[in-house]
């Protein structure tokens, strides 16, 4: 595995920063190096937020934001109409969008591959709330194979050590999305 860079887009309160951090923690459990960090200032609930994750088999020495990601993950699809979420996305990259629409309905003019998954529906079923960060990470794991589901489970158990029930709900969301992606034969 060479260095992989992931940029997350969502709104304050969506769990964008938590998703980035969980992915970096999961990398550790997969015996890789991970770096997760947010970019925000005075944002409040509902304001656009970005977070970044780097994954590598070797130590990561870069400390800048991610300007040319391999992967872009959009937790709130309404941002596609407000921001250029795909800016800098590599031509052979991948855009994962939390939406019930098909990629062709998004009207995005990019060369990168687009995968759509209704993570909100699965999160509502598994967690009871439209918090999609764990579910979208399940999609990322299934589609890219950059991280294992087992590592995501361990990261969630660690993050929610004081609330094992919440960890289990999020793990259920990961598996729900993973099954949907696998049944659709979505592969990179």
Foldseek 3Di string as FASTA:
>chain_A
DAKAKEKEKEFPPLCQQVLQVLVQQLLVVVQWGKDKAWDDDPGDGGHMTMIMMMIGRDDDDDDDHDQAGLEYEYLDLVVVVVDVSCGNHDLQHEYEYQDPDDPVVSPDPGNYHYHYDNLQVLLCVLPVGSRRSLLSVLLVCLAEVSGHLVSSLVSLCVVVVVPVSNSRSSSSSSVVNNVVCVVVVRYD
